[in-house]
């Protein structure tokens, strides 16, 4: 039986940008990465994406506690998260942030359709 290649989009729950990655996050991301690699080995086209969830009061409060701007904290957390994922050989096709012009524009486009 010949299998037709599928286009598959995979993401994980977005880690919140107010703290470090914990074991629960890492477990989910490792499991997803294993599944993505398996699907690619089967010949499927897989787009593996994720982002930091960078909205909300907890981010503002944590930034105030640290004496930095929310934008600075979001940037630092993003770097830390991506470093942690890379340390476990988790390979995203695109890792982004909900705090971006691109996300705002696409969200507005989807909402206004």
PDB file of N, CA and C in Angstrom:
ATOM      1  N   UNK A   1       0.834  -1.167   0.000  1.00  0.00           N
ATOM      2  CA  UNK A   1       0.000   0.000   0.000  1.00  0.00           C
ATOM      3  C   UNK A   1       0.888   1.243   0.000  1.00  0.00           C
ATOM      4  N   UNK A   2       0.611   2.157  -0.922  1.00  0.00           N
ATOM      5  CA  UNK A   2       1.359   3.400  -1.013  1.00  0.00           C
ATOM      6  C   UNK A   2       0.650   4.464  -0.188  1.00  0.00           C
ATOM      7  N   UNK A   3       1.422   5.162   0.622  1.00  0.00           N
ATOM      8  CA  UNK A   3       0.849   6.197   1.469  1.00  0.00           C
ATOM      9  C   UNK A   3       1.054   7.551   0.823  1.00  0.00           C
ATOM     10  N   UNK A   4       0.015   8.366   0.811  1.00  0.00           N
ATOM     11  CA  UNK A   4       0.100   9.715   0.276  1.00  0.00           C
ATOM     12  C   UNK A   4       0.685  10.623   1.359  1.00  0.00           C
ATOM     13  N   UNK A   5       1.668  11.430   0.978  1.00  0.00           N
ATOM     14  CA  UNK A   5       2.271  12.360   1.935  1.00  0.00           C
ATOM     15  C   UNK A   5       1.243  13.393   2.370  1.00  0.00           C
ATOM     16  N   UNK A   6       1.219  13.648   3.662  1.00  0.00           N
ATOM     17  CA  UNK A   6       0.287  14.619   4.235  1.00  0.00           C
ATOM     18  C   UNK A   6       1.046  15.876   4.634  1.00  0.00           C
ATOM     19  N   UNK A   7       0.315  16.981   4.686  1.00  0.00           N
ATOM     20  CA  UNK A   7       0.843  18.213   5.267  1.00  0.00           C
ATOM     21  C   UNK A   7       0.294  18.285   6.687  1.00  0.00           C
ATOM     22  N   UNK A   8       1.201  18.372   7.649  1.00  0.00           N
ATOM     23  CA  UNK A   8       0.815  18.331   9.056  1.00  0.00           C
ATOM     24  C   UNK A   8       1.376  19.558   9.772  1.00  0.00           C
ATOM     25  N   UNK A   9       0.535  20.215  10.557  1.00  0.00           N
ATOM     26  CA  UNK A   9       0.952  21.339  11.397  1.00  0.00           C
ATOM     27  C   UNK A   9       0.940  20.866  12.845  1.00  0.00           C
ATOM     28  N   UNK A  10       2.056  21.059  13.542  1.00  0.00           N
ATOM     29  CA  UNK A  10       2.179  20.622  14.929  1.00  0.00           C
ATOM     30  C   UNK A  10       2.642  21.793  15.782  1.00  0.00           C
ATOM     31  N   UNK A  11       2.011  21.953  16.935  1.00  0.00           N
ATOM     32  CA  UNK A  11       2.462  22.937  17.913  1.00  0.00           C
ATOM     33  C   UNK A  11       2.289  22.352  19.306  1.00  0.00           C
ATOM     34  N   UNK A  12       2.843  23.007  20.276  1.00  0.00           N
ATOM     35  CA  UNK A  12       2.706  22.628  21.683  1.00  0.00           C
ATOM     36  C   UNK A  12       2.024  23.776  22.411  1.00  0.00           C
ATOM     37  N   UNK A  13       1.604  23.506  23.629  1.00  0.00           N
ATOM     38  CA  UNK A  13       1.091  24.589  24.462  1.00  0.00           C
ATOM     39  C   UNK A  13       2.192  25.639  24.584  1.00  0.00           C
ATOM     40  N   UNK A  14       1.824  26.887  24.405  1.00  0.00           N
ATOM     41  CA  UNK A  14       2.816  27.960  24.432  1.00  0.00           C
ATOM     42  C   UNK A  14       3.270  28.223  25.865  1.00  0.00           C
ATOM     43  N   UNK A  15       4.578  28.147  26.123  1.00  0.00           N
ATOM     44  CA  UNK A  15       5.045  28.478  27.467  1.00  0.00           C
ATOM     45  C   UNK A  15       4.868  29.971  27.736  1.00  0.00           C
ATOM     46  N   UNK A  16       4.488  30.277  28.956  1.00  0.00           N
ATOM     47  CA  UNK A  16       4.276  31.663  29.331  1.00  0.00           C
ATOM     48  C   UNK A  16       5.627  32.351  29.499  1.00  0.00           C
ATOM     49  N   UNK A  17       5.713  33.596  29.077  1.00  0.00           N
ATOM     50  CA  UNK A  17       6.991  34.313  29.028  1.00  0.00           C
ATOM     51  C   UNK A  17       7.346  35.012  30.338  1.00  0.00           C
ATOM     52  N   UNK A  18       6.878  34.464  31.465  1.00  0.00           N
ATOM     53  CA  UNK A  18       7.227  35.097  32.740  1.00  0.00           C
ATOM     54  C   UNK A  18       8.092  34.199  33.620  1.00  0.00           C
ATOM     55  N   UNK A  19       8.599  33.099  33.051  1.00  0.00           N
ATOM     56  CA  UNK A  19       9.446  32.226  33.847  1.00  0.00           C
ATOM     57  C   UNK A  19      10.097  31.146  33.011  1.00  0.00           C
ATOM     58  N   UNK A  20      10.926  30.389  33.676  1.00  0.00           N
ATOM     59  CA  UNK A  20      11.709  29.354  33.005  1.00  0.00           C
ATOM     60  C   UNK A  20      10.842  28.167  32.598  1.00  0.00           C
ATOM     61  N   UNK A  21      11.372  27.385  31.669  1.00  0.00           N
ATOM     62  CA  UNK A  21      10.729  26.146  31.246  1.00  0.00           C
ATOM     63  C   UNK A  21      10.819  25.148  32.402  1.00  0.00           C
ATOM     64  N   UNK A  22       9.707  24.482  32.708  1.00  0.00           N
ATOM     65  CA  UNK A  22       9.738  23.461  33.751  1.00  0.00           C
ATOM     66  C   UNK A  22       9.618  22.074  33.125  1.00  0.00           C
ATOM     67  N   UNK A  23       9.733  21.062  33.927  1.00  0.00           N
ATOM     68  CA  UNK A  23       9.752  19.686  33.441  1.00  0.00           C
ATOM     69  C   UNK A  23       8.495  19.331  32.642  1.00  0.00           C
ATOM     70  N   UNK A  24       7.345  19.807  33.081  1.00  0.00           N
ATOM     71  CA  UNK A  24       6.101  19.545  32.355  1.00  0.00           C
ATOM     72  C   UNK A  24       6.128  20.110  30.951  1.00  0.00           C
ATOM     73  N   UNK A  25       6.626  21.353  30.822  1.00  0.00           N
ATOM     74  CA  UNK A  25       6.783  21.934  29.483  1.00  0.00           C
ATOM     75  C   UNK A  25       7.694  21.049  28.642  1.00  0.00           C
ATOM     76  N   UNK A  26       8.851  20.735  29.204  1.00  0.00           N
ATOM     77  CA  UNK A  26       9.869  20.026  28.438  1.00  0.00           C
ATOM     78  C   UNK A  26       9.369  18.664  27.984  1.00  0.00           C
ATOM     79  N   UNK A  27       8.641  17.970  28.843  1.00  0.00           N
ATOM     80  CA  UNK A  27       8.109  16.663  28.476  1.00  0.00           C
ATOM     81  C   UNK A  27       7.209  16.774  27.247  1.00  0.00           C
ATOM     82  N   UNK A  28       6.296  17.724  27.263  1.00  0.00           N
ATOM     83  CA  UNK A  28       5.390  17.905  26.122  1.00  0.00           C
ATOM     84  C   UNK A  28       6.158  18.217  24.842  1.00  0.00           C
ATOM     85  N   UNK A  29       7.137  19.097  24.924  1.00  0.00           N
ATOM     86  CA  UNK A  29       7.887  19.514  23.737  1.00  0.00           C
ATOM     87  C   UNK A  29       8.749  18.367  23.192  1.00  0.00           C
ATOM     88  N   UNK A  30       9.306  17.559  24.084  1.00  0.00           N
ATOM     89  CA  UNK A  30      10.076  16.391  23.639  1.00  0.00           C
ATOM     90  C   UNK A  30       9.157  15.393  22.940  1.00  0.00           C
ATOM     91  N   UNK A  31       7.995  15.134  23.535  1.00  0.00           N
ATOM     92  CA  UNK A  31       7.053  14.189  22.923  1.00  0.00           C
ATOM     93  C   UNK A  31       6.622  14.662  21.537  1.00  0.00           C
ATOM     94  N   UNK A  32       6.330  15.940  21.414  1.00  0.00           N
ATOM     95  CA  UNK A  32       5.924  16.481  20.110  1.00  0.00           C
ATOM     96  C   UNK A  32       7.066  16.376  19.106  1.00  0.00           C
ATOM     97  N   UNK A  33       8.282  16.674  19.537  1.00  0.00           N
ATOM     98  CA  UNK A  33       9.437  16.604  18.640  1.00  0.00           C
ATOM     99  C   UNK A  33       9.650  15.174  18.136  1.00  0.00           C
ATOM    100  N   UNK A  34       9.498  14.198  19.014  1.00  0.00           N
ATOM    101  CA  UNK A  34       9.637  12.793  18.606  1.00  0.00           C
ATOM    102  C   UNK A  34       8.585  12.454  17.557  1.00  0.00           C
ATOM    103  N   UNK A  35       7.343  12.870  17.787  1.00  0.00           N
ATOM    104  CA  UNK A  35       6.255  12.581  16.846  1.00  0.00           C
ATOM    105  C   UNK A  35       6.500  13.263  15.502  1.00  0.00           C
ATOM    106  N   UNK A  36       6.982  14.506  15.531  1.00  0.00           N
ATOM    107  CA  UNK A  36       7.293  15.235  14.296  1.00  0.00           C
ATOM    108  C   UNK A  36       8.376  14.503  13.510  1.00  0.00           C
ATOM    109  N   UNK A  37       9.434  14.093  14.178  1.00  0.00           N
ATOM    110  CA  UNK A  37      10.515  13.374  13.484  1.00  0.00           C
ATOM    111  C   UNK A  37      10.000  12.068  12.869  1.00  0.00           C
ATOM    112  N   UNK A  38       9.145  11.377  13.586  1.00  0.00           N
ATOM    113  CA  UNK A  38       8.569  10.135  13.074  1.00  0.00           C
ATOM    114  C   UNK A  38       7.739  10.401  11.817  1.00  0.00           C
ATOM    115  N   UNK A  39       6.911  11.436  11.860  1.00  0.00           N
ATOM    116  CA  UNK A  39       6.077  11.757  10.699  1.00  0.00           C
ATOM    117  C   UNK A  39       6.939  12.151   9.498  1.00  0.00           C
ATOM    118  N   UNK A  40       8.008  12.858   9.735  1.00  0.00           N
ATOM    119  CA  UNK A  40       8.918  13.226   8.632  1.00  0.00           C
ATOM    120  C   UNK A  40       9.600  11.984   8.059  1.00  0.00           C
ATOM    121  N   UNK A  41       9.985  11.053   8.916  1.00  0.00           N
ATOM    122  CA  UNK A  41      10.595   9.810   8.431  1.00  0.00           C
ATOM    123  C   UNK A  41       9.607   9.014   7.576  1.00  0.00           C
ATOM    124  N   UNK A  42       8.335   9.173   7.837  1.00  0.00           N
ATOM    125  CA  UNK A  42       7.299   8.496   7.051  1.00  0.00           C
ATOM    126  C   UNK A  42       7.021   9.227   5.742  1.00  0.00           C
ATOM    127  N   UNK A  43       7.701  10.361   5.524  1.00  0.00           N
ATOM    128  CA  UNK A  43       7.569  11.082   4.264  1.00  0.00           C
ATOM    129  C   UNK A  43       6.573  12.215   4.268  1.00  0.00           C
ATOM    130  N   UNK A  44       6.035  12.543   5.440  1.00  0.00           N
ATOM    131  CA  UNK A  44       5.068  13.635   5.516  1.00  0.00           C
ATOM    132  C   UNK A  44       5.783  14.985   5.623  1.00  0.00           C
ATOM    133  N   UNK A  45       5.104  16.015   5.163  1.00  0.00           N
ATOM    134  CA  UNK A  45       5.608  17.387   5.272  1.00  0.00           C
ATOM    135  C   UNK A  45       5.051  17.971   6.567  1.00  0.00           C
ATOM    136  N   UNK A  46       5.933  18.226   7.526  1.00  0.00           N
ATOM    137  CA  UNK A  46       5.497  18.674   8.848  1.00  0.00           C
ATOM    138  C   UNK A  46       6.058  20.062   9.130  1.00  0.00           C
ATOM    139  N   UNK A  47       5.195  20.960   9.573  1.00  0.00           N
ATOM    140  CA  UNK A  47       5.601  22.286  10.014  1.00  0.00           C
ATOM    141  C   UNK A  47       5.439  22.305  11.532  1.00  0.00           C
ATOM    142  N   UNK A  48       6.559  22.389  12.252  1.00  0.00           N
ATOM    143  CA  UNK A  48       6.586  22.312  13.716  1.00  0.00           C
ATOM    144  C   UNK A  48       6.833  23.709  14.260  1.00  0.00           C
ATOM    145  N   UNK A  49       5.820  24.281  14.889  1.00  0.00           N
ATOM    146  CA  UNK A  49       5.901  25.669  15.334  1.00  0.00           C
ATOM    147  C   UNK A  49       5.551  25.797  16.817  1.00  0.00           C
ATOM    148  N   UNK A  50       6.019  26.867  17.401  1.00  0.00           N
ATOM    149  CA  UNK A  50       5.651  27.206  18.769  1.00  0.00           C
ATOM    150  C   UNK A  50       6.005  28.676  19.000  1.00  0.00           C
ATOM    151  N   UNK A  51       5.643  29.175  20.151  1.00  0.00           N
ATOM    152  CA  UNK A  51       5.918  30.572  20.489  1.00  0.00           C
ATOM    153  C   UNK A  51       5.826  30.744  21.993  1.00  0.00           C
ATOM    154  N   UNK A  52       6.344  31.838  22.464  1.00  0.00           N
ATOM    155  CA  UNK A  52       6.118  32.229  23.851  1.00  0.00           C
ATOM    156  C   UNK A  52       4.806  32.988  23.928  1.00  0.00           C
ATOM    157  N   UNK A  53       3.984  32.655  24.931  1.00  0.00           N
ATOM    158  CA  UNK A  53       2.768  33.410  25.204  1.00  0.00           C
ATOM    159  C   UNK A  53       3.196  34.627  26.012  1.00  0.00           C
ATOM    160  N   UNK A  54       3.155  35.774  25.373  1.00  0.00           N
ATOM    161  CA  UNK A  54       3.746  36.974  25.968  1.00  0.00           C
ATOM    162  C   UNK A  54       2.714  38.047  26.302  1.00  0.00           C
ATOM    163  N   UNK A  55       1.500  37.632  26.651  1.00  0.00           N
ATOM    164  CA  UNK A  55       0.456  38.592  27.004  1.00  0.00           C
ATOM    165  C   UNK A  55      -0.018  38.355  28.429  1.00  0.00           C
ATOM    166  N   UNK A  56      -0.450  39.413  29.070  1.00  0.00           N
ATOM    167  CA  UNK A  56      -1.114  39.247  30.349  1.00  0.00           C
ATOM    168  C   UNK A  56      -0.461  39.955  31.516  1.00  0.00           C
ATOM    169  N   UNK A  57      -1.254  40.065  32.555  1.00  0.00           N
ATOM    170  CA  UNK A  57      -0.846  40.743  33.778  1.00  0.00           C
ATOM    171  C   UNK A  57       0.366  40.093  34.442  1.00  0.00           C
ATOM    172  N   UNK A  58       0.468  38.751  34.491  1.00  0.00           N
ATOM    173  CA  UNK A  58       1.643  38.165  35.151  1.00  0.00           C
ATOM    174  C   UNK A  58       2.975  38.630  34.556  1.00  0.00           C
ATOM    175  N   UNK A  59       2.996  38.874  33.265  1.00  0.00           N
ATOM    176  CA  UNK A  59       4.231  39.354  32.635  1.00  0.00           C
ATOM    177  C   UNK A  59       4.538  40.774  33.091  1.00  0.00           C
ATOM    178  N   UNK A  60       3.515  41.619  33.104  1.00  0.00           N
ATOM    179  CA  UNK A  60       3.704  42.995  33.551  1.00  0.00           C
ATOM    180  C   UNK A  60       4.192  43.020  35.005  1.00  0.00           C
ATOM    181  N   UNK A  61       3.563  42.222  35.865  1.00  0.00           N
ATOM    182  CA  UNK A  61       3.939  42.210  37.279  1.00  0.00           C
ATOM    183  C   UNK A  61       5.352  41.664  37.492  1.00  0.00           C
ATOM    184  N   UNK A  62       5.702  40.604  36.780  1.00  0.00           N
ATOM    185  CA  UNK A  62       7.047  40.023  36.915  1.00  0.00           C
ATOM    186  C   UNK A  62       8.108  41.012  36.433  1.00  0.00           C
ATOM    187  N   UNK A  63       7.829  41.702  35.331  1.00  0.00           N
ATOM    188  CA  UNK A  63       8.774  42.702  34.823  1.00  0.00           C
ATOM    189  C   UNK A  63       8.956  43.829  35.838  1.00  0.00           C
ATOM    190  N   UNK A  64       7.860  44.282  36.437  1.00  0.00           N
ATOM    191  CA  UNK A  64       7.958  45.327  37.464  1.00  0.00           C
ATOM    192  C   UNK A  64       8.796  44.843  38.637  1.00  0.00           C
ATOM    193  N   UNK A  65       8.578  43.598  39.049  1.00  0.00           N
ATOM    194  CA  UNK A  65       9.333  43.014  40.154  1.00  0.00           C
ATOM    195  C   UNK A  65      10.829  42.979  39.840  1.00  0.00           C
ATOM    196  N   UNK A  66      11.163  42.706  38.579  1.00  0.00           N
ATOM    197  CA  UNK A  66      12.569  42.635  38.161  1.00  0.00           C
ATOM    198  C   UNK A  66      13.158  44.000  37.818  1.00  0.00           C
ATOM    199  N   UNK A  67      12.300  45.023  37.741  1.00  0.00           N
ATOM    200  CA  UNK A  67      12.772  46.362  37.408  1.00  0.00           C
ATOM    201  C   UNK A  67      13.141  46.532  35.944  1.00  0.00           C
ATOM    202  N   UNK A  68      12.477  45.783  35.066  1.00  0.00           N
ATOM    203  CA  UNK A  68      12.734  45.884  33.626  1.00  0.00           C
ATOM    204  C   UNK A  68      11.406  46.063  32.894  1.00  0.00           C
ATOM    205  N   UNK A  69      11.489  46.372  31.618  1.00  0.00           N
ATOM    206  CA  UNK A  69      10.265  46.525  30.829  1.00  0.00           C
ATOM    207  C   UNK A  69       9.718  45.139  30.466  1.00  0.00           C
ATOM    208  N   UNK A  70       8.410  45.050  30.245  1.00  0.00           N
ATOM    209  CA  UNK A  70       7.852  43.770  29.780  1.00  0.00           C
ATOM    210  C   UNK A  70       8.517  43.288  28.491  1.00  0.00           C
ATOM    211  N   UNK A  71       8.810  44.206  27.580  1.00  0.00           N
ATOM    212  CA  UNK A  71       9.457  43.827  26.320  1.00  0.00           C
ATOM    213  C   UNK A  71      10.832  43.212  26.556  1.00  0.00           C
ATOM    214  N   UNK A  72      11.586  43.784  27.495  1.00  0.00           N
ATOM    215  CA  UNK A  72      12.908  43.236  27.806  1.00  0.00           C
ATOM    216  C   UNK A  72      12.776  41.839  28.398  1.00  0.00           C
ATOM    217  N   UNK A  73      11.828  41.668  29.313  1.00  0.00           N
ATOM    218  CA  UNK A  73      11.639  40.360  29.923  1.00  0.00           C
ATOM    219  C   UNK A  73      11.185  39.328  28.890  1.00  0.00           C
ATOM    220  N   UNK A  74      10.282  39.728  28.002  1.00  0.00           N
ATOM    221  CA  UNK A  74       9.800  38.831  26.946  1.00  0.00           C
ATOM    222  C   UNK A  74      10.969  38.371  26.079  1.00  0.00           C
ATOM    223  N   UNK A  75      11.845  39.299  25.713  1.00  0.00           N
ATOM    224  CA  UNK A  75      13.011  38.952  24.900  1.00  0.00           C
ATOM    225  C   UNK A  75      13.959  38.007  25.617  1.00  0.00           C
ATOM    226  N   UNK A  76      14.217  38.285  26.889  1.00  0.00           N
ATOM    227  CA  UNK A  76      15.124  37.431  27.668  1.00  0.00           C
ATOM    228  C   UNK A  76      14.540  36.030  27.861  1.00  0.00           C
ATOM    229  N   UNK A  77      13.244  35.957  28.153  1.00  0.00           N
ATOM    230  CA  UNK A  77      12.597  34.655  28.337  1.00  0.00           C
ATOM    231  C   UNK A  77      12.589  33.858  27.038  1.00  0.00           C
ATOM    232  N   UNK A  78      12.364  34.536  25.925  1.00  0.00           N
ATOM    233  CA  UNK A  78      12.360  33.852  24.633  1.00  0.00           C
ATOM    234  C   UNK A  78      13.721  33.214  24.369  1.00  0.00           C
ATOM    235  N   UNK A  79      14.776  33.973  24.617  1.00  0.00           N
ATOM    236  CA  UNK A  79      16.133  33.434  24.419  1.00  0.00           C
ATOM    237  C   UNK A  79      16.380  32.241  25.342  1.00  0.00           C
ATOM    238  N   UNK A  80      15.979  32.383  26.597  1.00  0.00           N
ATOM    239  CA  UNK A  80      16.174  31.290  27.563  1.00  0.00           C
ATOM    240  C   UNK A  80      15.394  30.044  27.136  1.00  0.00           C
ATOM    241  N   UNK A  81      14.133  30.241  26.755  1.00  0.00           N
ATOM    242  CA  UNK A  81      13.308  29.099  26.343  1.00  0.00           C
ATOM    243  C   UNK A  81      13.904  28.400  25.127  1.00  0.00           C
ATOM    244  N   UNK A  82      14.309  29.185  24.132  1.00  0.00           N
ATOM    245  CA  UNK A  82      14.872  28.585  22.919  1.00  0.00           C
ATOM    246  C   UNK A  82      16.185  27.856  23.210  1.00  0.00           C
ATOM    247  N   UNK A  83      16.983  28.398  24.111  1.00  0.00           N
ATOM    248  CA  UNK A  83      18.226  27.732  24.517  1.00  0.00           C
ATOM    249  C   UNK A  83      17.918  26.410  25.213  1.00  0.00           C
ATOM    250  N   UNK A  84      16.912  26.425  26.095  1.00  0.00           N
ATOM    251  CA  UNK A  84      16.519  25.192  26.783  1.00  0.00           C
ATOM    252  C   UNK A  84      16.048  24.131  25.788  1.00  0.00           C
ATOM    253  N   UNK A  85      15.199  24.521  24.842  1.00  0.00           N
ATOM    254  CA  UNK A  85      14.703  23.558  23.851  1.00  0.00           C
ATOM    255  C   UNK A  85      15.849  23.025  22.990  1.00  0.00           C
ATOM    256  N   UNK A  86      16.735  23.904  22.581  1.00  0.00           N
ATOM    257  CA  UNK A  86      17.880  23.473  21.763  1.00  0.00           C
ATOM    258  C   UNK A  86      18.764  22.499  22.540  1.00  0.00           C
ATOM    259  N   UNK A  87      18.874  22.695  23.846  1.00  0.00           N
ATOM    260  CA  UNK A  87      19.664  21.798  24.680  1.00  0.00           C
ATOM    261  C   UNK A  87      19.120  20.378  24.711  1.00  0.00           C
ATOM    262  N   UNK A  88      17.851  20.229  24.397  1.00  0.00           N
ATOM    263  CA  UNK A  88      17.226  18.909  24.310  1.00  0.00           C
ATOM    264  C   UNK A  88      17.026  18.487  22.858  1.00  0.00           C
ATOM    265  N   UNK A  89      17.698  19.193  21.950  1.00  0.00           N
ATOM    266  CA  UNK A  89      17.636  18.912  20.504  1.00  0.00           C
ATOM    267  C   UNK A  89      16.222  18.988  19.941  1.00  0.00           C
ATOM    268  N   UNK A  90      15.408  19.847  20.528  1.00  0.00           N
ATOM    269  CA  UNK A  90      14.073  20.093  19.990  1.00  0.00           C
ATOM    270  C   UNK A  90      14.241  21.117  18.886  1.00  0.00           C
ATOM    271  N   UNK A  91      13.749  20.780  17.725  1.00  0.00           N
ATOM    272  CA  UNK A  91      14.017  21.583  16.536  1.00  0.00           C
ATOM    273  C   UNK A  91      12.726  22.124  15.928  1.00  0.00           C
ATOM    274  N   UNK A  92      12.403  23.351  16.258  1.00  0.00           N
ATOM    275  CA  UNK A  92      11.216  24.002  15.692  1.00  0.00           C
ATOM    276  C   UNK A  92      11.541  24.590  14.325  1.00  0.00           C
ATOM    277  N   UNK A  93      10.565  24.528  13.432  1.00  0.00           N
ATOM    278  CA  UNK A  93      10.711  25.210  12.146  1.00  0.00           C
ATOM    279  C   UNK A  93      10.558  26.711  12.335  1.00  0.00           C
ATOM    280  N   UNK A  94       9.755  27.090  13.324  1.00  0.00           N
ATOM    281  CA  UNK A  94       9.540  28.505  13.616  1.00  0.00           C
ATOM    282  C   UNK A  94       9.173  28.624  15.087  1.00  0.00           C
ATOM    283  N   UNK A  95       9.960  29.386  15.839  1.00  0.00           N
ATOM    284  CA  UNK A  95       9.647  29.691  17.237  1.00  0.00           C
ATOM    285  C   UNK A  95       9.509  31.198  17.323  1.00  0.00           C
ATOM    286  N   UNK A  96       8.363  31.667  17.812  1.00  0.00           N
ATOM    287  CA  UNK A  96       8.065  33.093  17.741  1.00  0.00           C
ATOM    288  C   UNK A  96       7.510  33.587  19.076  1.00  0.00           C
ATOM    289  N   UNK A  97       6.789  34.680  19.044  1.00  0.00           N
ATOM    290  CA  UNK A  97       6.186  35.277  20.230  1.00  0.00           C
ATOM    291  C   UNK A  97       4.810  35.818  19.877  1.00  0.00           C
ATOM    292  N   UNK A  98       3.902  35.753  20.842  1.00  0.00           N
ATOM    293  CA  UNK A  98       2.597  36.379  20.615  1.00  0.00           C
ATOM    294  C   UNK A  98       2.707  37.900  20.684  1.00  0.00           C
ATOM    295  N   UNK A  99       3.837  38.402  21.139  1.00  0.00           N
ATOM    296  CA  UNK A  99       4.065  39.850  21.233  1.00  0.00           C
ATOM    297  C   UNK A  99       4.878  40.296  20.016  1.00  0.00           C
ATOM    298  N   UNK A 100       4.199  40.332  18.871  1.00  0.00           N
ATOM    299  CA  UNK A 100       4.886  40.739  17.646  1.00  0.00           C
ATOM    300  C   UNK A 100       3.892  41.417  16.715  1.00  0.00           C
ATOM    301  N   UNK A 101       4.409  42.262  15.860  1.00  0.00           N
ATOM    302  CA  UNK A 101       3.547  42.910  14.866  1.00  0.00           C
ATOM    303  C   UNK A 101       2.901  41.868  13.962  1.00  0.00           C
ATOM    304  N   UNK A 102       3.673  40.861  13.592  1.00  0.00           N
ATOM    305  CA  UNK A 102       3.150  39.801  12.720  1.00  0.00           C
ATOM    306  C   UNK A 102       1.949  39.103  13.364  1.00  0.00           C
ATOM    307  N   UNK A 103       2.058  38.753  14.644  1.00  0.00           N
ATOM    308  CA  UNK A 103       0.961  38.082  15.336  1.00  0.00           C
ATOM    309  C   UNK A 103      -0.265  38.988  15.415  1.00  0.00           C
ATOM    310  N   UNK A 104      -0.043  40.264  15.711  1.00  0.00           N
ATOM    311  CA  UNK A 104      -1.162  41.205  15.792  1.00  0.00           C
ATOM    312  C   UNK A 104      -1.863  41.313  14.447  1.00  0.00           C
ATOM    313  N   UNK A 105      -1.088  41.488  13.378  1.00  0.00           N
ATOM    314  CA  UNK A 105      -1.676  41.648  12.040  1.00  0.00           C
ATOM    315  C   UNK A 105      -2.449  40.403  11.613  1.00  0.00           C
ATOM    316  N   UNK A 106      -1.875  39.232  11.833  1.00  0.00           N
ATOM    317  CA  UNK A 106      -2.565  37.998  11.440  1.00  0.00           C
ATOM    318  C   UNK A 106      -3.807  37.755  12.296  1.00  0.00           C
ATOM    319  N   UNK A 107      -3.728  38.066  13.585  1.00  0.00           N
ATOM    320  CA  UNK A 107      -4.896  37.915  14.458  1.00  0.00           C
ATOM    321  C   UNK A 107      -6.021  38.841  14.017  1.00  0.00           C
ATOM    322  N   UNK A 108      -5.682  40.079  13.678  1.00  0.00           N
ATOM    323  CA  UNK A 108      -6.696  41.018  13.200  1.00  0.00           C
ATOM    324  C   UNK A 108      -7.312  40.538  11.889  1.00  0.00           C
ATOM    325  N   UNK A 109      -6.491  40.012  11.000  1.00  0.00           N
ATOM    326  CA  UNK A 109      -6.985  39.509   9.718  1.00  0.00           C
ATOM    327  C   UNK A 109      -7.974  38.362   9.927  1.00  0.00           C
ATOM    328  N   UNK A 110      -7.622  37.426  10.781  1.00  0.00           N
ATOM    329  CA  UNK A 110      -8.502  36.286  11.055  1.00  0.00           C
ATOM    330  C   UNK A 110      -9.797  36.767  11.709  1.00  0.00           C
ATOM    331  N   UNK A 111      -9.695  37.678  12.666  1.00  0.00           N
ATOM    332  CA  UNK A 111     -10.868  38.161  13.399  1.00  0.00           C
ATOM    333  C   UNK A 111     -11.831  38.920  12.495  1.00  0.00           C
ATOM    334  N   UNK A 112     -11.302  39.679  11.549  1.00  0.00           N
ATOM    335  CA  UNK A 112     -12.160  40.531  10.708  1.00  0.00           C
ATOM    336  C   UNK A 112     -12.697  39.822   9.471  1.00  0.00           C
ATOM    337  N   UNK A 113     -12.344  38.594   9.246  1.00  0.00           N
ATOM    338  CA  UNK A 113     -12.862  37.856   8.072  1.00  0.00           C
ATOM    339  C   UNK A 113     -14.294  37.469   8.255  1.00  0.00           C
TER     340      UNK A 113
END
